[in-house]
């Protein structure tokens, strides 16, 4: 099979021909049809994440068809369409797993980071961490649901009942979250890079009440700000925009350092929190919502062998919506 592999020798991937993987007990073998290109993949190749498996096949927004079943698999059959997310394994024994917080597991496995992922023609995955996908989405459209959608959903849930939601970094996750928030009758304010008219116009088309650059003040105070851009300097900016009792939710796995800021920005019971990974319950809840509400998924597609170009476009801010590798 063809695969794009990161071996740590450079900030890029190498195309390789590898043997097909074999499904072990509890695993499913998947013919990969599409795989989303996530900012986490970019953090991996830019060496901003510690201790990856090396070499590793990146990719954790995997959509494909079940090609084979390992012993003991239930809930899936050959030919089923399947989605594979970031969380690929949890221990089931630590205090976090035992208290319905498996996203904080002490001994986890992550697809495309510590477990080979979907930048390949075939992959295997633990069936317990895979999802059936809503049928109304194409394979390309479904891929971003598996991280941009899931992490966005968890970030939005951490905003509680906030009605005025600011989204900082209007890319793959935010353009899905905006639609979820509007579906829930919330008001959305979109913050983009200065001059990114394409992202601002997309936000307005998706129902945002206002769109501007991240250094602008919104026309109304925010009840919550969700940060998807990995820029620590946005935290104090978001705190300035959030009203008393509001929350700033940092939605990325990696962020540049947060600069110092006056305590007055935090005072008034404002909070800064982070989102870490996801639970399988998050996945089931989000896929149910995505099945009930037809989300408009904005994508740019690349062939598997152009994964490096997709990563470079993401790094350079040249994408609107989500990048997806079309593999079959």
Protein backbone atom coordinates (compact mmCIF):
# COMPACT_ATOMS: atom_id res chain seq x y z
CA UNK A 1 0.00 0.00 0.00
CA UNK A 2 1.04 3.62 -0.48
CA UNK A 3 1.51 5.74 2.62
CA UNK A 4 2.92 9.10 3.63
CA UNK A 5 5.28 8.61 6.57
CA UNK A 6 6.88 10.94 9.13
CA UNK A 7 10.22 9.62 10.40
CA UNK A 8 11.48 12.72 12.21
CA UNK A 9 14.34 13.40 9.79
CA UNK A 10 12.66 16.48 8.26
CA UNK A 11 9.54 18.61 8.63
CA UNK A 12 7.89 16.77 5.78
CA UNK A 13 6.50 13.35 4.92
CA UNK A 14 7.99 10.65 2.69
CA UNK A 15 5.97 8.53 0.29
CA UNK A 16 6.55 4.81 0.93
CA UNK A 17 5.24 1.46 -0.21
CA UNK A 18 4.43 -0.61 2.88
CA UNK A 19 2.87 -4.02 3.51
CA UNK A 20 -0.87 -3.96 4.16
CA UNK A 21 -1.62 -3.92 7.90
CA UNK A 22 -3.39 -6.93 9.45
CA UNK A 23 -6.31 -6.58 11.85
CA UNK A 24 -5.45 -8.00 15.28
CA UNK A 25 -8.02 -9.00 17.89
CA UNK A 26 -10.60 -6.27 18.34
CA UNK A 27 -9.40 -4.34 15.30
CA UNK A 28 -10.95 -3.59 11.93
CA UNK A 29 -9.04 -3.36 8.66
CA UNK A 30 -10.08 -0.27 6.70
CA UNK A 31 -9.77 0.71 3.05
CA UNK A 32 -9.16 4.43 3.51
CA UNK A 33 -11.19 6.67 1.21
CA UNK A 34 -10.41 10.08 2.74
CA UNK A 35 -8.42 11.56 5.60
CA UNK A 36 -8.63 15.08 6.95
CA UNK A 37 -5.49 17.18 7.37
CA UNK A 38 -5.58 18.60 10.89
CA UNK A 39 -3.45 21.28 12.53
CA UNK A 40 -2.34 18.54 14.95
CA UNK A 41 -0.68 16.80 11.99
CA UNK A 42 1.16 20.05 11.33
CA UNK A 43 2.27 20.24 14.98
CA UNK A 44 3.58 16.68 14.59
CA UNK A 45 5.76 17.35 11.55
CA UNK A 46 6.89 20.69 12.99
CA UNK A 47 8.08 18.79 16.10
CA UNK A 48 5.81 20.69 18.46
CA UNK A 49 4.43 17.45 19.95
CA UNK A 50 6.69 15.27 22.06
CA UNK A 51 7.35 11.55 21.80
CA UNK A 52 5.50 10.52 18.63
CA UNK A 53 5.82 7.00 17.32
CA UNK A 54 8.61 7.05 14.74
CA UNK A 55 8.19 6.34 11.98
CA UNK A 56 4.47 7.08 12.04
CA UNK A 57 1.72 7.46 9.46
CA UNK A 58 -0.17 10.66 10.40
CA UNK A 59 -3.88 11.30 10.03
CA UNK A 60 -6.75 11.00 12.51
CA UNK A 61 -9.80 12.09 10.52
CA UNK A 62 -10.18 8.80 8.67
CA UNK A 63 -13.15 7.74 6.54
CA UNK A 64 -13.24 4.38 4.80
CA UNK A 65 -14.89 1.00 4.38
CA UNK A 66 -14.36 -2.04 6.56
CA UNK A 67 -12.26 -4.54 4.60
CA UNK A 68 -11.71 -7.13 7.34
CA UNK A 69 -12.48 -7.95 10.96
CA UNK A 70 -10.18 -9.14 13.71
CA UNK A 71 -11.40 -11.66 16.26
CA UNK A 72 -13.97 -10.41 18.73
CA UNK A 73 -15.18 -7.39 16.76
CA UNK A 74 -18.86 -6.52 17.11
CA UNK A 75 -20.92 -3.65 15.76
CA UNK A 76 -19.22 -3.53 12.35
CA UNK A 77 -19.40 -5.68 9.22
CA UNK A 78 -17.30 -5.85 6.08
CA UNK A 79 -18.44 -3.06 3.76
CA UNK A 80 -19.62 -0.70 6.50
CA UNK A 81 -18.51 2.89 6.25
CA UNK A 82 -16.47 3.83 9.31
CA UNK A 83 -14.82 6.87 10.86
CA UNK A 84 -11.65 6.81 12.97
CA UNK A 85 -10.93 9.75 15.33
CA UNK A 86 -7.92 11.06 17.30
CA UNK A 87 -8.44 8.93 20.41
CA UNK A 88 -7.53 5.40 19.39
CA UNK A 89 -7.11 3.71 22.77
CA UNK A 90 -7.63 4.31 26.48
CA UNK A 91 -6.56 2.12 29.37
CA UNK A 92 -9.97 1.76 31.05
CA UNK A 93 -8.26 1.50 34.46
CA UNK A 94 -7.01 4.93 35.54
CA UNK A 95 -9.10 7.28 37.66
CA UNK A 96 -10.01 9.35 34.61
CA UNK A 97 -11.32 6.40 32.62
CA UNK A 98 -13.22 5.19 35.68
CA UNK A 99 -14.90 8.58 36.13
CA UNK A 100 -16.17 9.03 32.53
CA UNK A 101 -13.17 11.24 31.59
CA UNK A 102 -11.36 8.94 29.20
CA UNK A 103 -10.20 11.99 27.26
CA UNK A 104 -7.73 12.52 30.14
CA UNK A 105 -6.56 8.87 30.27
CA UNK A 106 -3.10 8.32 31.80
CA UNK A 107 -2.13 5.72 29.18
CA UNK A 108 -3.84 6.67 25.91
CA UNK A 109 -3.13 5.95 22.26
CA UNK A 110 -3.67 8.59 19.59
CA UNK A 111 -4.35 7.91 15.91
CA UNK A 112 -1.69 9.31 13.62
CA UNK A 113 0.61 10.13 16.56
CA UNK A 114 1.29 7.07 18.71
CA UNK A 115 -0.76 4.76 16.43
CA UNK A 116 -0.44 4.70 12.62
CA UNK A 117 -3.16 6.76 11.01
CA UNK A 118 -4.91 7.45 7.74
CA UNK A 119 -2.39 9.03 5.36
CA UNK A 120 -2.37 5.62 3.69
CA UNK A 121 -4.46 3.40 1.46
CA UNK A 122 -5.20 1.03 4.35
CA UNK A 123 -5.13 1.18 8.13
CA UNK A 124 -6.29 -0.74 11.17
CA UNK A 125 -8.11 0.64 14.20
CA UNK A 126 -9.57 -0.57 17.49
CA UNK A 127 -13.24 -1.05 16.67
CA UNK A 128 -14.31 0.25 20.10
CA UNK A 129 -13.09 3.73 19.17
CA UNK A 130 -14.60 3.91 15.68
CA UNK A 131 -17.88 5.49 14.62
CA UNK A 132 -20.60 4.88 12.08
CA UNK A 133 -21.03 8.08 10.05
CA UNK A 134 -24.16 9.94 8.93
CA UNK A 135 -24.96 8.84 5.40
CA UNK A 136 -25.78 12.29 4.00
CA UNK A 137 -22.11 13.31 3.96
CA UNK A 138 -19.69 12.26 1.26
CA UNK A 139 -16.41 10.70 2.37
CA UNK A 140 -14.63 14.03 1.81
CA UNK A 141 -17.25 15.93 3.81
CA UNK A 142 -17.29 13.37 6.63
CA UNK A 143 -13.54 13.44 7.29
CA UNK A 144 -13.44 16.85 9.07
CA UNK A 145 -16.28 15.75 11.35
CA UNK A 146 -13.85 13.35 13.05
CA UNK A 147 -11.66 16.00 14.68
CA UNK A 148 -12.59 19.53 13.62
CA UNK A 149 -16.20 18.65 14.33
CA UNK A 150 -15.62 16.59 17.46
CA UNK A 151 -13.17 18.96 19.15
CA UNK A 152 -15.34 21.90 18.12
CA UNK A 153 -18.36 20.19 19.66
CA UNK A 154 -16.51 19.57 22.93
CA UNK A 155 -15.23 23.16 23.00
CA UNK A 156 -18.74 24.49 22.45
CA UNK A 157 -20.11 22.25 25.22
CA UNK A 158 -17.52 23.76 27.59
CA UNK A 159 -19.06 27.16 26.93
CA UNK A 160 -22.18 25.99 28.77
CA UNK A 161 -25.28 28.03 27.96
CA UNK A 162 -23.33 31.04 26.64
CA UNK A 163 -25.39 32.85 24.04
CA UNK A 164 -22.80 35.14 22.41
CA UNK A 165 -19.95 32.98 21.11
CA UNK A 166 -16.70 34.30 19.69
CA UNK A 167 -14.71 31.98 17.41
CA UNK A 168 -11.01 32.87 17.05
CA UNK A 169 -9.37 31.24 14.02
CA UNK A 170 -12.11 30.57 11.49
CA UNK A 171 -10.85 27.36 9.92
CA UNK A 172 -11.85 23.71 9.88
CA UNK A 173 -13.22 23.52 13.44
CA UNK A 174 -14.76 26.97 13.68
CA UNK A 175 -16.74 26.73 10.46
CA UNK A 176 -18.44 23.61 11.83
CA UNK A 177 -18.90 25.03 15.35
CA UNK A 178 -20.50 28.16 13.92
CA UNK A 179 -23.23 26.01 12.41
CA UNK A 180 -23.73 24.03 15.61
CA UNK A 181 -24.03 27.25 17.60
CA UNK A 182 -26.52 28.73 15.13
CA UNK A 183 -28.52 25.48 15.25
CA UNK A 184 -28.72 26.01 19.02
CA UNK A 185 -29.95 29.58 18.51
CA UNK A 186 -26.72 31.18 19.72
CA UNK A 187 -25.15 34.31 18.24
CA UNK A 188 -21.74 33.85 16.57
CA UNK A 189 -18.88 36.33 16.13
CA UNK A 190 -15.98 35.23 13.91
CA UNK A 191 -12.36 36.40 14.31
CA UNK A 192 -9.84 35.74 11.52
CA UNK A 193 -6.34 36.72 10.50
CA UNK A 194 -6.15 40.36 9.46
CA UNK A 195 -7.27 40.71 5.85
CA UNK A 196 -8.66 37.17 5.50
CA UNK A 197 -11.73 38.22 3.59
CA UNK A 198 -12.45 34.67 2.37
CA UNK A 199 -12.77 33.32 5.92
CA UNK A 200 -14.84 36.33 7.01
CA UNK A 201 -17.22 35.92 4.09
CA UNK A 202 -17.55 32.19 4.84
CA UNK A 203 -18.41 33.01 8.46
CA UNK A 204 -21.11 35.44 7.38
CA UNK A 205 -22.54 32.92 4.90
CA UNK A 206 -22.75 30.39 7.73
CA UNK A 207 -24.77 32.74 9.89
CA UNK A 208 -22.24 34.74 11.92
CA UNK A 209 -23.62 38.05 13.17
CA UNK A 210 -20.21 39.72 12.71
CA UNK A 211 -16.82 38.85 11.24
CA UNK A 212 -13.55 40.73 11.60
CA UNK A 213 -9.87 40.36 12.41
CA UNK A 214 -8.72 38.96 15.75
CA UNK A 215 -7.34 42.32 16.90
CA UNK A 216 -10.74 44.02 16.53
CA UNK A 217 -13.33 44.36 19.28
CA UNK A 218 -16.68 42.72 18.52
CA UNK A 219 -19.79 44.93 18.57
CA UNK A 220 -21.10 43.11 21.66
CA UNK A 221 -19.49 41.58 24.73
CA UNK A 222 -18.98 37.81 24.43
CA UNK A 223 -20.25 35.21 26.89
CA UNK A 224 -17.62 32.75 25.64
CA UNK A 225 -14.64 32.75 23.29
CA UNK A 226 -13.46 29.54 21.62
CA UNK A 227 -9.85 29.68 20.42
CA UNK A 228 -8.86 27.37 17.57
CA UNK A 229 -5.83 29.33 16.37
CA UNK A 230 -2.71 28.11 18.26
CA UNK A 231 -1.67 31.66 19.19
CA UNK A 232 -1.21 32.35 22.90
CA UNK A 233 -1.49 36.11 22.38
CA UNK A 234 -5.17 35.61 21.56
CA UNK A 235 -5.94 34.61 25.17
CA UNK A 236 -5.66 38.12 26.67
CA UNK A 237 -7.39 39.55 23.58
CA UNK A 238 -10.28 37.14 24.09
CA UNK A 239 -10.43 37.94 27.81
CA UNK A 240 -10.87 41.61 26.89
CA UNK A 241 -13.83 40.66 24.71
CA UNK A 242 -15.50 38.36 27.27
CA UNK A 243 -17.98 39.76 29.81
CA UNK A 244 -17.95 39.01 33.53
CA UNK A 245 -18.58 35.35 34.24
CA UNK A 246 -17.48 34.41 30.73
CA UNK A 247 -15.08 31.71 29.61
CA UNK A 248 -12.19 31.47 27.15
CA UNK A 249 -11.86 27.92 25.81
CA UNK A 250 -8.52 26.95 24.23
CA UNK A 251 -9.34 24.26 21.70
CA UNK A 252 -5.91 23.20 20.38
CA UNK A 253 -3.49 20.48 21.48
CA UNK A 254 -0.61 22.99 21.18
CA UNK A 255 -0.43 26.75 21.60
CA UNK A 256 2.38 29.29 21.66
CA UNK A 257 3.12 30.82 25.05
CA UNK A 258 0.44 33.02 26.58
CA UNK A 259 1.89 36.46 27.33
CA UNK A 260 1.46 38.05 30.75
CA UNK A 261 -1.64 40.16 31.18
CA UNK A 262 -3.14 42.28 33.98
CA UNK A 263 -5.26 40.49 36.52
CA UNK A 264 -8.09 42.92 35.72
CA UNK A 265 -8.70 40.98 32.49
CA UNK A 266 -9.37 37.80 34.47
CA UNK A 267 -11.22 39.37 37.39
CA UNK A 268 -15.00 39.19 37.41
CA UNK A 269 -15.06 35.37 37.50
CA UNK A 270 -13.82 35.03 33.97
CA UNK A 271 -12.18 31.65 33.28
CA UNK A 272 -9.57 30.23 30.91
CA UNK A 273 -9.86 26.49 30.23
CA UNK A 274 -8.51 23.97 27.73
CA UNK A 275 -10.06 21.15 25.75
CA UNK A 276 -8.17 17.87 25.85
CA UNK A 277 -9.04 15.19 23.29
CA UNK A 278 -12.54 13.71 23.30
CA UNK A 279 -14.60 10.88 24.70
CA UNK A 280 -16.52 8.27 22.76
CA UNK A 281 -19.71 9.76 24.20
CA UNK A 282 -18.73 13.08 22.59
CA UNK A 283 -18.43 11.25 19.29
CA UNK A 284 -21.80 9.56 19.54
CA UNK A 285 -23.54 12.79 20.57
CA UNK A 286 -21.94 14.82 17.82
CA UNK A 287 -22.62 12.26 15.09
CA UNK A 288 -26.27 12.25 16.17
CA UNK A 289 -26.44 16.04 15.80
CA UNK A 290 -24.59 15.91 12.46
CA UNK A 291 -27.12 13.34 11.28
CA UNK A 292 -30.07 15.53 12.27
CA UNK A 293 -28.62 18.79 10.95
CA UNK A 294 -27.04 18.95 7.51
CA UNK A 295 -23.79 20.79 8.13
CA UNK A 296 -22.13 22.58 5.21
CA UNK A 297 -18.53 21.32 5.16
CA UNK A 298 -16.09 23.54 3.26
CA UNK A 299 -13.13 21.49 1.96
CA UNK A 300 -10.07 21.68 -0.26
CA UNK A 301 -8.98 18.26 -1.53
CA UNK A 302 -5.52 16.93 -2.31
CA UNK A 303 -4.30 13.53 -3.51
CA UNK A 304 -2.51 11.40 -0.91
CA UNK A 305 0.89 12.06 -2.48
CA UNK A 306 0.41 15.83 -2.03
CA UNK A 307 0.00 15.66 1.75
CA UNK A 308 3.04 17.89 2.19
CA UNK A 309 1.42 20.58 0.03
CA UNK A 310 -1.74 20.36 2.12
CA UNK A 311 0.32 20.79 5.30
CA UNK A 312 2.19 23.74 3.79
CA UNK A 313 -1.07 25.41 2.77
CA UNK A 314 -2.38 24.92 6.29
CA UNK A 315 0.85 26.32 7.77
CA UNK A 316 0.68 29.35 5.49
CA UNK A 317 -2.99 30.12 6.15
CA UNK A 318 -3.92 29.49 2.52
CA UNK A 319 -6.99 27.36 3.28
CA UNK A 320 -10.64 28.19 3.80
CA UNK A 321 -12.42 25.44 5.74
CA UNK A 322 -10.75 22.03 5.95
CA UNK A 323 -8.06 20.23 3.93
CA UNK A 324 -8.80 16.60 3.05
CA UNK A 325 -6.72 13.92 1.32
CA UNK A 326 -8.78 12.04 -1.30
CA UNK A 327 -7.33 8.54 -1.28
CA UNK A 328 -9.85 6.34 -3.13
